[in-house]
Protein backbone atom coordinates (compact mmCIF):
# COMPACT_ATOMS: atom_id res chain seq x y z
CA MET A 1 0.00 0.00 0.00
CA ASP A 2 1.31 3.44 -0.92
CA GLU A 3 2.59 5.55 1.98
CA PHE A 4 0.81 8.67 0.75
CA ALA A 5 -2.52 6.85 0.44
CA VAL A 6 -2.40 5.67 4.08
CA GLY A 7 -1.89 9.11 5.58
CA HIS A 8 -0.15 12.39 4.80
CA LEU A 9 0.02 15.99 5.95
CA PRO A 10 -3.12 17.95 5.02
CA GLY A 11 -2.78 19.66 1.66
CA ALA A 12 0.35 17.73 0.72
CA ILE A 13 1.10 16.97 -2.91
CA HIS A 14 2.63 13.59 -3.61
CA VAL A 15 6.05 13.80 -5.23
CA GLY A 16 8.09 10.64 -5.53
CA PRO A 17 11.68 10.67 -4.24
CA SER A 18 13.01 10.09 -7.75
CA SER A 19 11.04 13.01 -9.21
CA THR A 20 12.93 15.45 -11.35
CA PRO A 21 13.02 19.16 -10.55
CA GLU A 22 11.11 19.72 -13.80
CA SER A 23 8.26 17.42 -12.75
CA VAL A 24 8.07 19.18 -9.38
CA GLN A 25 7.92 22.54 -11.17
CA ARG A 26 4.99 21.30 -13.25
CA LEU A 27 3.14 20.28 -10.08
CA ILE A 28 3.66 23.47 -8.07
CA GLY A 29 3.87 26.13 -10.76
CA THR A 30 6.38 28.92 -11.19
CA ASP A 31 5.71 31.06 -8.10
CA PRO A 32 8.63 30.86 -5.63
CA VAL A 33 6.60 29.31 -2.81
CA PRO A 34 8.15 27.57 0.20
CA ILE A 35 8.41 23.81 -0.28
CA VAL A 36 8.44 21.44 2.66
CA VAL A 37 9.41 17.90 1.76
CA TYR A 38 9.02 14.86 3.99
CA CYS A 39 8.93 11.10 3.94
CA SER A 40 8.58 8.50 6.67
CA ILE A 41 11.94 8.99 8.36
CA GLY A 42 13.60 11.79 6.41
CA TRP A 43 16.29 10.13 4.31
CA ARG A 44 14.51 10.17 0.93
CA SER A 45 13.06 13.65 1.50
CA SER A 46 16.47 14.99 2.47
CA ALA A 47 17.88 13.80 -0.85
CA LEU A 48 14.98 15.36 -2.75
CA ALA A 49 15.34 18.67 -0.87
CA GLY A 50 19.01 18.80 -1.81
CA LYS A 51 18.23 18.04 -5.44
CA LEU A 52 15.57 20.78 -5.61
CA ALA A 53 17.79 23.35 -3.89
CA ALA A 54 20.64 22.53 -6.28
CA HIS A 55 18.30 23.22 -9.18
CA GLY A 56 17.37 26.69 -7.99
CA PHE A 57 14.25 26.18 -5.88
CA PRO A 58 14.69 29.07 -3.43
CA LYS A 59 12.77 27.91 -0.36
CA VAL A 60 13.11 24.16 0.23
CA VAL A 61 13.24 22.54 3.66
CA ASN A 62 13.05 18.97 4.91
CA LEU A 63 10.43 18.54 7.64
CA GLU A 64 12.32 17.98 10.89
CA GLY A 65 11.51 14.52 12.24
CA SER A 66 9.57 13.78 9.05
CA ALA A 67 6.17 12.05 8.95
CA PHE A 68 6.86 9.75 11.90
CA ALA A 69 7.53 12.64 14.29
CA TRP A 70 4.55 14.55 12.91
CA ALA A 71 2.25 11.58 13.55
CA ASN A 72 3.77 10.76 16.95
CA GLU A 73 3.08 14.35 18.04
CA GLY A 74 -0.60 13.90 17.16
CA ARG A 75 -0.54 16.49 14.41
CA PRO A 76 -3.23 16.37 11.70
CA LEU A 77 -3.10 13.76 8.96
CA GLU A 78 -5.44 12.98 6.10
CA ALA A 79 -6.11 10.38 3.45
CA ASP A 80 -8.53 10.88 0.55
CA GLY A 81 -9.50 14.24 2.05
CA HIS A 82 -10.56 12.75 5.39
CA PRO A 83 -8.80 12.94 8.77
CA VAL A 84 -6.81 9.88 9.80
CA ASP A 85 -4.58 9.19 12.78
CA LYS A 86 -2.07 6.71 11.33
CA VAL A 87 0.76 6.67 8.82
CA HIS A 88 2.39 3.90 6.82
CA PRO A 89 5.18 2.27 8.89
CA TYR A 90 7.39 2.14 5.76
CA HIS A 91 9.33 -0.91 6.96
CA ARG A 92 9.04 -3.26 9.93
CA PHE A 93 12.36 -2.01 11.36
CA PHE A 94 11.67 1.72 10.96
CA GLY A 95 7.99 1.33 11.86
CA ARG A 96 9.11 0.77 15.46
CA LEU A 97 9.83 4.51 15.58
CA LEU A 98 6.08 5.12 15.39
CA ARG A 99 3.88 4.98 18.45
CA PRO A 100 1.74 1.84 18.07
CA GLU A 101 -1.47 3.88 17.89
CA ARG A 102 0.00 5.91 14.97
CA ARG A 103 1.20 2.85 12.99
CA ALA A 104 -1.11 1.66 10.21
CA VAL A 105 -1.61 -2.07 9.95
CA LEU A 106 -0.76 -3.32 6.49
């Protein structure tokens, strides 16, 4: 099951970690808006943030703690436009970083 489909930050736009800067530009437009990237634990999003910054995106940051910290803090999540309280555990090993009540069962 896709991580984004299980639960994501409200209003987030799904961008795969292997996305090109050009494909991101097509998704967000040409206005120099702040971009916050995140993934389950932060490794993939950190690489994407670096790639976007290197290609001239002026305001790119990686969400500190990434999706796991966001969920563990009880911050809002959604899936299909509806509130949810769990995120994809990504991997059995890394999923242990999620509080059990925030870990989706797959």
